[in-house]
Amino acid sequence: MKKARVLLLVHKHLVPPRKIVADKLASACWKMEWDIISTLKRRGHEVRVIGLDEDLSPIRPMIDEFNPTIVFNLMEAFAGTSIFDQNVVSYLELLRAPYTGCNPRGLMLSRDKALAKKVLTYHGIPVPDFFVVPRGQKGTIPKRLSYPLIVKSLVLDSSQGISQVSVVANDDHLDKRVRFIHGHIGTDALVEQFVSGREFYVGVLGNSRLHVLPVWEMSFGKMPGSLWHIVTERAKWSIGYQRRYGMDTRKAALTKRIAARVQNLAKSAYRALNLTGYARIDMRMDSQEQIVVIEANANPQLMRGALFAESAQSAKLSYGRLLERIMALGLQWQPEGPG
């Protein structure tokens, strides 16, 4: 890729410091941002960073001054509200500034897990059956569902609000967990049929033409049968917890037939939800080899060595080339559509 002027949009508290202490880098909350900045600079790109919180006004003068080739968007929320991430991208489109990652329509569809499941179902893509409990209401299980069920936030990602007690086995536990999501997490609750089995992740790159990465799988290693094999918030972020239970992601050992099914489902889900740039599609497969799409994650974690980057590496797409591929896709995307 030709040398580019890259403007990074990051959360203000995740702007890396000027001086990096090497032995603290691995656990730094801004490691992904540092990985991207340092990698792009090493590859000869000119990089500038804007830290945003509750004000978009720094963007326009920086674009006027710097005239970036592309804006590398790492905003996952705005003003502390996750569903506002789509508005940041909409603003970039109004400025006619090319950007990386998903368009605002895809962000909206994939962010609302119930809406995403309805769209996927319309397109014949299997998903777990579910219902939504709005804040202030009490959940009543429909006859079509049966325990165990899993209770999640309707719109938050990164396993926020998910713990071992998120999987419920009776009405009392369901009511308690729904009230937890309403009161402590502050969102509507999504209640879906729990699917026991293997958990797969499929990275997808592209706008109209798609490149599907190898299927990755969560290994629950040493986790005892007395615990639900799910990725809780603690499991996602605690290295100690991961080591204790031998949790790790790795390339899935699948037959060519099943791997092709999983990858084709990922492509279908990506297109159905109007995703662009890059995304990760999460799935589960039960003991009968029935595969369902759990959710779609637009603009997933891009830290070096994390799931998406590892999957790309296994497809012989280095971390630097992956970032440049994402930038190239951003430059190709046309918000107005053809013509």
Protein backbone atom coordinates (compact mmCIF):
# COMPACT_ATOMS: atom_id res chain seq x y z
CA MET A 1 0.00 0.00 0.00
CA LYS A 2 1.21 3.52 -0.79
CA LYS A 3 2.30 5.63 2.17
CA ALA A 4 -0.75 7.32 3.65
CA ARG A 5 -1.68 10.06 6.08
CA VAL A 6 -3.69 8.26 8.76
CA LEU A 7 -5.82 10.03 11.35
CA LEU A 8 -6.68 7.74 14.29
CA LEU A 9 -9.87 8.38 16.26
CA VAL A 10 -9.55 6.80 19.71
CA HIS A 11 -11.20 7.14 23.07
CA LYS A 12 -9.51 9.91 25.04
CA HIS A 13 -8.51 7.64 27.93
CA LEU A 14 -6.94 5.19 25.46
CA VAL A 15 -4.47 7.57 23.83
CA PRO A 16 -1.07 5.92 24.47
CA PRO A 17 1.45 7.95 26.50
CA ARG A 18 4.49 9.41 24.77
CA LYS A 19 6.85 7.26 26.82
CA ILE A 20 6.13 3.52 26.81
CA VAL A 21 7.34 1.24 29.60
CA ALA A 22 8.01 -2.03 27.80
CA ASP A 23 7.25 -4.39 30.69
CA LYS A 24 3.82 -2.76 31.24
CA LEU A 25 2.75 -2.73 27.60
CA ALA A 26 1.13 -6.19 27.58
CA SER A 27 -1.40 -5.22 30.27
CA ALA A 28 -1.98 -1.63 29.16
CA CYS A 29 -5.60 -0.73 28.39
CA TRP A 30 -4.37 1.18 25.31
CA LYS A 31 -2.31 -1.69 23.87
CA MET A 32 -4.46 -2.06 20.75
CA GLU A 33 -4.12 1.64 19.98
CA TRP A 34 -0.35 1.44 20.49
CA ASP A 35 -0.08 -1.67 18.32
CA ILE A 36 -1.87 0.07 15.45
CA ILE A 37 -0.01 3.39 15.79
CA SER A 38 3.45 1.82 16.06
CA THR A 39 2.83 -0.68 13.26
CA LEU A 40 1.55 1.94 10.81
CA LYS A 41 4.49 4.23 11.58
CA ARG A 42 6.98 1.39 11.05
CA ARG A 43 5.39 0.76 7.66
CA GLY A 44 6.05 4.36 6.67
CA HIS A 45 2.63 5.91 7.17
CA GLU A 46 2.24 9.34 8.76
CA VAL A 47 -0.01 9.00 11.79
CA ARG A 48 -1.85 11.52 13.93
CA VAL A 49 -4.16 10.74 16.86
CA ILE A 50 -7.27 12.45 18.23
CA GLY A 51 -8.60 11.41 21.64
CA LEU A 52 -12.39 11.89 21.82
CA ASP A 53 -14.84 11.84 24.71
CA GLU A 54 -17.97 14.00 24.45
CA ASP A 55 -17.02 16.39 21.67
CA LEU A 56 -16.60 15.80 17.94
CA SER A 57 -15.42 19.33 17.20
CA PRO A 58 -11.66 18.45 17.03
CA ILE A 59 -12.25 16.23 14.00
CA ARG A 60 -13.10 18.77 11.32
CA PRO A 61 -10.19 21.20 11.84
CA MET A 62 -7.76 18.26 11.99
CA ILE A 63 -9.13 16.92 8.71
CA ASP A 64 -8.82 20.39 7.16
CA GLU A 65 -5.23 20.77 8.42
CA PHE A 66 -3.89 17.23 8.01
CA ASN A 67 -5.96 16.18 4.95
CA PRO A 68 -5.78 12.49 5.92
CA THR A 69 -5.83 9.81 3.28
CA ILE A 70 -8.08 7.87 5.64
CA VAL A 71 -9.51 8.07 9.17
CA PHE A 72 -8.77 4.92 11.19
CA ASN A 73 -11.84 4.67 13.42
CA LEU A 74 -11.35 2.98 16.80
CA MET A 75 -14.38 4.52 18.56
CA GLU A 76 -16.60 1.89 20.20
CA ALA A 77 -18.92 4.40 21.86
CA PHE A 78 -19.39 8.14 22.28
CA ALA A 79 -19.99 10.06 25.51
CA GLY A 80 -20.07 6.71 27.29
CA THR A 81 -22.97 5.41 25.17
CA SER A 82 -22.20 2.35 23.05
CA ILE A 83 -25.03 2.82 20.54
CA PHE A 84 -23.62 6.25 19.61
CA ASP A 85 -20.65 4.70 17.78
CA GLN A 86 -22.68 4.77 14.57
CA ASN A 87 -23.11 8.54 14.90
CA VAL A 88 -19.35 9.13 14.87
CA VAL A 89 -19.14 7.26 11.57
CA SER A 90 -22.15 9.14 10.21
CA TYR A 91 -20.33 12.41 10.95
CA LEU A 92 -17.30 11.19 9.00
CA GLU A 93 -19.57 10.37 6.07
CA LEU A 94 -21.07 13.88 6.18
CA LEU A 95 -17.52 15.26 6.04
CA ARG A 96 -16.81 13.00 3.04
CA ALA A 97 -13.86 11.56 4.97
CA PRO A 98 -12.92 7.95 4.10
CA TYR A 99 -12.79 5.77 7.23
CA THR A 100 -12.01 2.23 8.29
CA GLY A 101 -14.47 -0.31 9.55
CA CYS A 102 -18.20 -0.67 9.39
CA ASN A 103 -20.72 1.79 8.01
CA PRO A 104 -23.40 3.26 10.33
CA ARG A 105 -26.20 1.06 9.00
CA GLY A 106 -24.25 -2.11 9.71
CA LEU A 107 -23.28 -0.83 13.15
CA MET A 108 -26.93 -0.17 14.01
CA LEU A 109 -28.16 -3.55 12.79
CA SER A 110 -25.45 -5.57 14.51
CA ARG A 111 -25.46 -3.57 17.76
CA ASP A 112 -29.09 -4.41 18.58
CA LYS A 113 -28.88 -8.17 19.07
CA ALA A 114 -32.65 -8.71 18.76
CA LEU A 115 -32.88 -6.68 15.56
CA ALA A 116 -29.88 -8.56 14.17
CA LYS A 117 -31.52 -11.92 14.94
CA LYS A 118 -34.74 -10.83 13.21
CA VAL A 119 -32.84 -9.79 10.09
CA LEU A 120 -30.81 -13.01 10.07
CA THR A 121 -33.97 -15.12 10.52
CA TYR A 122 -35.59 -13.32 7.57
CA HIS A 123 -32.62 -14.36 5.45
CA GLY A 124 -32.88 -17.99 6.58
CA ILE A 125 -29.80 -17.86 8.81
CA PRO A 126 -30.27 -19.95 11.99
CA VAL A 127 -30.12 -18.15 15.35
CA PRO A 128 -31.13 -19.17 18.89
CA ASP A 129 -34.78 -18.44 19.70
CA PHE A 130 -35.13 -15.42 22.00
CA PHE A 131 -37.26 -12.70 23.51
CA VAL A 132 -36.55 -9.21 24.86
CA VAL A 133 -37.47 -7.84 28.28
CA PRO A 134 -37.58 -4.01 28.17
CA ARG A 135 -36.41 -2.09 31.22
CA GLY A 136 -39.09 -1.85 33.89
CA GLN A 137 -40.86 -5.01 32.75
CA LYS A 138 -40.75 -8.57 34.06
CA GLY A 139 -39.70 -11.44 31.83
CA THR A 140 -42.21 -14.19 31.10
CA ILE A 141 -40.81 -17.14 29.20
CA PRO A 142 -42.74 -17.93 25.98
CA LYS A 143 -43.95 -21.50 25.50
CA ARG A 144 -41.63 -21.99 22.54
CA LEU A 145 -38.56 -21.66 24.81
CA SER A 146 -37.27 -23.98 27.51
CA TYR A 147 -34.55 -23.81 30.17
CA PRO A 148 -31.63 -23.34 30.25
CA LEU A 149 -31.66 -19.79 28.87
CA ILE A 150 -28.95 -17.16 28.82
CA VAL A 151 -29.60 -13.52 29.76
CA LYS A 152 -27.53 -10.73 28.17
CA SER A 153 -27.54 -7.01 27.55
CA LEU A 154 -29.45 -6.21 24.37
CA VAL A 155 -26.77 -3.84 23.02
CA LEU A 156 -23.48 -4.17 24.92
CA ASP A 157 -20.61 -6.30 23.66
CA SER A 158 -17.31 -7.62 25.09
CA SER A 159 -19.29 -9.98 27.38
CA GLN A 160 -20.36 -7.05 29.56
CA GLY A 161 -22.78 -8.26 32.23
CA ILE A 162 -22.22 -11.95 31.46
CA SER A 163 -21.23 -14.30 34.28
CA GLN A 164 -21.85 -17.92 35.22
CA VAL A 165 -25.26 -16.96 36.66
CA SER A 166 -26.27 -15.50 33.29
CA VAL A 167 -27.36 -19.01 32.32
CA VAL A 168 -30.65 -19.56 34.16
CA ALA A 169 -32.58 -22.75 34.82
CA ASN A 170 -35.86 -21.57 36.36
CA ASP A 171 -38.25 -18.62 36.59
CA ASP A 172 -36.74 -17.23 39.79
CA HIS A 173 -33.21 -17.14 38.37
CA LEU A 174 -34.53 -15.61 35.15
CA ASP A 175 -36.26 -12.80 37.05
CA LYS A 176 -33.13 -12.07 39.12
CA ARG A 177 -30.85 -11.92 36.10
CA VAL A 178 -33.20 -9.74 34.09
CA ARG A 179 -33.38 -7.31 37.02
CA PHE A 180 -29.57 -7.31 37.17
CA ILE A 181 -29.28 -6.37 33.49
CA HIS A 182 -31.91 -3.64 33.91
CA GLY A 183 -30.55 -2.20 37.12
CA HIS A 184 -26.77 -2.72 37.02
CA ILE A 185 -26.05 -2.79 33.31
CA GLY A 186 -28.74 -0.27 32.42
CA THR A 187 -30.08 -1.80 29.21
CA ASP A 188 -32.97 -3.95 28.04
CA ALA A 189 -32.38 -7.68 28.51
CA LEU A 190 -32.02 -10.24 25.74
CA VAL A 191 -33.07 -13.74 26.80
CA GLU A 192 -32.16 -16.51 24.37
CA GLN A 193 -32.12 -20.29 24.22
CA PHE A 194 -28.79 -21.49 25.57
CA VAL A 195 -26.91 -23.61 23.05
CA SER A 196 -24.45 -26.01 24.65
CA GLY A 197 -21.56 -26.95 22.42
CA ARG A 198 -18.50 -25.62 20.60
CA GLU A 199 -18.06 -21.86 20.15
CA PHE A 200 -16.66 -20.59 16.84
CA TYR A 201 -15.48 -17.17 15.65
CA VAL A 202 -15.12 -16.23 12.01
CA GLY A 203 -13.38 -13.06 10.85
CA VAL A 204 -14.61 -11.49 7.61
CA LEU A 205 -12.99 -8.72 5.57
CA GLY A 206 -14.66 -6.91 2.70
CA ASN A 207 -17.37 -4.67 1.32
CA SER A 208 -19.02 -6.38 -1.65
CA ARG A 209 -16.33 -9.04 -2.23
CA LEU A 210 -15.62 -10.91 0.99
CA HIS A 211 -12.50 -12.61 2.35
CA VAL A 212 -13.36 -15.11 5.10
CA LEU A 213 -10.63 -15.97 7.59
CA PRO A 214 -10.09 -19.47 9.06
CA VAL A 215 -12.56 -20.62 11.71
CA TRP A 216 -11.31 -19.98 15.23
CA GLU A 217 -12.59 -21.74 18.34
CA MET A 218 -12.75 -21.08 22.06
CA SER A 219 -11.16 -23.88 24.07
CA PHE A 220 -12.52 -24.28 27.58
CA GLY A 221 -9.57 -26.50 28.51
CA LYS A 222 -9.70 -27.23 32.24
CA MET A 223 -13.17 -25.82 32.94
CA PRO A 224 -15.13 -28.40 34.97
CA GLY A 225 -18.51 -29.71 33.89
CA SER A 226 -20.10 -27.99 36.87
CA LEU A 227 -19.54 -24.61 35.17
CA TRP A 228 -21.20 -23.37 32.01
CA HIS A 229 -18.78 -23.27 29.10
CA ILE A 230 -19.33 -19.63 28.20
CA VAL A 231 -17.12 -16.57 27.78
CA THR A 232 -18.00 -14.46 30.79
CA GLU A 233 -16.84 -10.90 31.31
CA ARG A 234 -14.23 -12.16 33.77
CA ALA A 235 -13.06 -14.86 31.37
CA LYS A 236 -12.69 -12.30 28.59
CA TRP A 237 -10.52 -9.85 30.53
CA SER A 238 -8.81 -11.77 33.34
CA ILE A 239 -5.60 -13.52 32.28
CA GLY A 240 -5.55 -15.34 35.62
CA TYR A 241 -9.03 -16.75 35.04
CA GLN A 242 -8.08 -17.85 31.54
CA ARG A 243 -5.00 -19.65 32.82
CA ARG A 244 -6.87 -21.30 35.68
CA TYR A 245 -9.41 -22.89 33.33
CA GLY A 246 -7.15 -23.32 30.31
CA MET A 247 -9.24 -20.98 28.16
CA ASP A 248 -7.70 -20.06 24.83
CA THR A 249 -8.66 -19.43 21.22
CA ARG A 250 -7.14 -21.48 18.44
CA LYS A 251 -7.77 -22.61 14.89
CA ALA A 252 -10.75 -24.96 14.96
CA ALA A 253 -10.16 -28.62 14.15
CA LEU A 254 -13.03 -29.21 11.72
CA THR A 255 -13.73 -31.31 8.68
CA LYS A 256 -13.66 -29.39 5.41
CA ARG A 257 -17.43 -29.83 5.14
CA ILE A 258 -18.22 -28.28 8.51
CA ALA A 259 -15.60 -25.54 8.13
CA ALA A 260 -17.17 -24.57 4.81
CA ARG A 261 -20.64 -24.49 6.41
CA VAL A 262 -19.40 -22.23 9.19
CA GLN A 263 -17.61 -19.87 6.81
CA ASN A 264 -20.56 -19.69 4.43
CA LEU A 265 -22.88 -18.84 7.33
CA ALA A 266 -20.46 -16.09 8.36
CA LYS A 267 -20.52 -14.62 4.85
CA SER A 268 -24.32 -14.79 4.72
CA ALA A 269 -24.67 -13.08 8.12
CA TYR A 270 -22.15 -10.38 7.14
CA ARG A 271 -24.12 -9.54 4.00
CA ALA A 272 -27.54 -9.75 5.67
CA LEU A 273 -26.51 -7.21 8.32
CA ASN A 274 -25.01 -4.80 5.77
CA LEU A 275 -21.55 -5.04 7.36
CA THR A 276 -18.53 -3.52 5.66
CA GLY A 277 -14.81 -3.25 6.37
CA TYR A 278 -14.24 -6.05 8.84
CA ALA A 279 -16.26 -7.97 11.42
CA ARG A 280 -16.33 -11.15 13.49
CA ILE A 281 -19.29 -13.54 13.42
CA ASP A 282 -19.77 -15.67 16.57
CA MET A 283 -21.48 -19.08 16.39
CA ARG A 284 -22.20 -22.21 18.37
CA MET A 285 -22.51 -25.81 17.19
CA ASP A 286 -24.35 -28.41 19.27
CA SER A 287 -23.71 -32.16 19.48
CA GLN A 288 -25.97 -32.73 16.44
CA GLU A 289 -23.78 -30.37 14.36
CA GLN A 290 -26.55 -27.78 14.23
CA ILE A 291 -24.89 -24.36 13.87
CA VAL A 292 -26.45 -21.06 14.97
CA VAL A 293 -25.20 -17.49 14.73
CA ILE A 294 -24.97 -16.00 18.22
CA GLU A 295 -24.07 -12.44 17.23
CA ALA A 296 -22.10 -10.28 14.82
CA ASN A 297 -19.36 -7.96 16.02
CA ALA A 298 -18.60 -5.05 13.72
CA ASN A 299 -15.12 -3.51 14.15
CA PRO A 300 -13.82 -6.22 16.52
CA GLN A 301 -10.67 -6.01 18.64
CA LEU A 302 -7.58 -5.40 16.47
CA MET A 303 -4.84 -5.83 19.05
CA ARG A 304 -1.75 -7.69 17.83
CA GLY A 305 -2.04 -11.32 18.92
CA ALA A 306 -5.78 -11.10 19.61
CA LEU A 307 -8.29 -13.40 17.95
CA PHE A 308 -8.91 -11.47 14.72
CA ALA A 309 -5.23 -10.77 14.09
CA GLU A 310 -4.24 -14.36 14.93
CA SER A 311 -6.81 -15.73 12.51
CA ALA A 312 -5.50 -13.40 9.79
CA GLN A 313 -1.93 -14.47 10.57
CA SER A 314 -2.91 -18.12 10.09
CA ALA A 315 -4.15 -17.11 6.61
CA LYS A 316 -0.70 -15.60 5.93
CA LEU A 317 -1.94 -12.05 6.39
CA SER A 318 0.56 -10.34 8.69
CA TYR A 319 -0.54 -7.77 11.25
CA GLY A 320 0.80 -4.87 9.19
CA ARG A 321 -0.81 -6.13 6.00
CA LEU A 322 -4.08 -6.70 7.87
CA LEU A 323 -4.19 -3.06 8.96
CA GLU A 324 -3.41 -1.93 5.43
CA ARG A 325 -6.10 -4.22 4.01
CA ILE A 326 -8.60 -2.62 6.40
CA MET A 327 -7.49 0.85 5.24
CA ALA A 328 -7.79 -0.16 1.58
CA LEU A 329 -11.34 -1.39 2.18
CA GLY A 330 -12.17 1.94 3.82
CA LEU A 331 -10.88 3.81 0.78
CA GLN A 332 -13.01 1.63 -1.52
CA TRP A 333 -16.25 2.08 0.44
CA GLN A 334 -18.74 4.54 -1.08
CA PRO A 335 -21.44 5.65 1.41
CA GLU A 336 -23.65 7.01 -1.36
CA GLY A 337 -23.60 3.69 -3.20
CA PRO A 338 -22.87 3.15 -6.90
CA GLY A 339 -23.72 6.01 -9.22
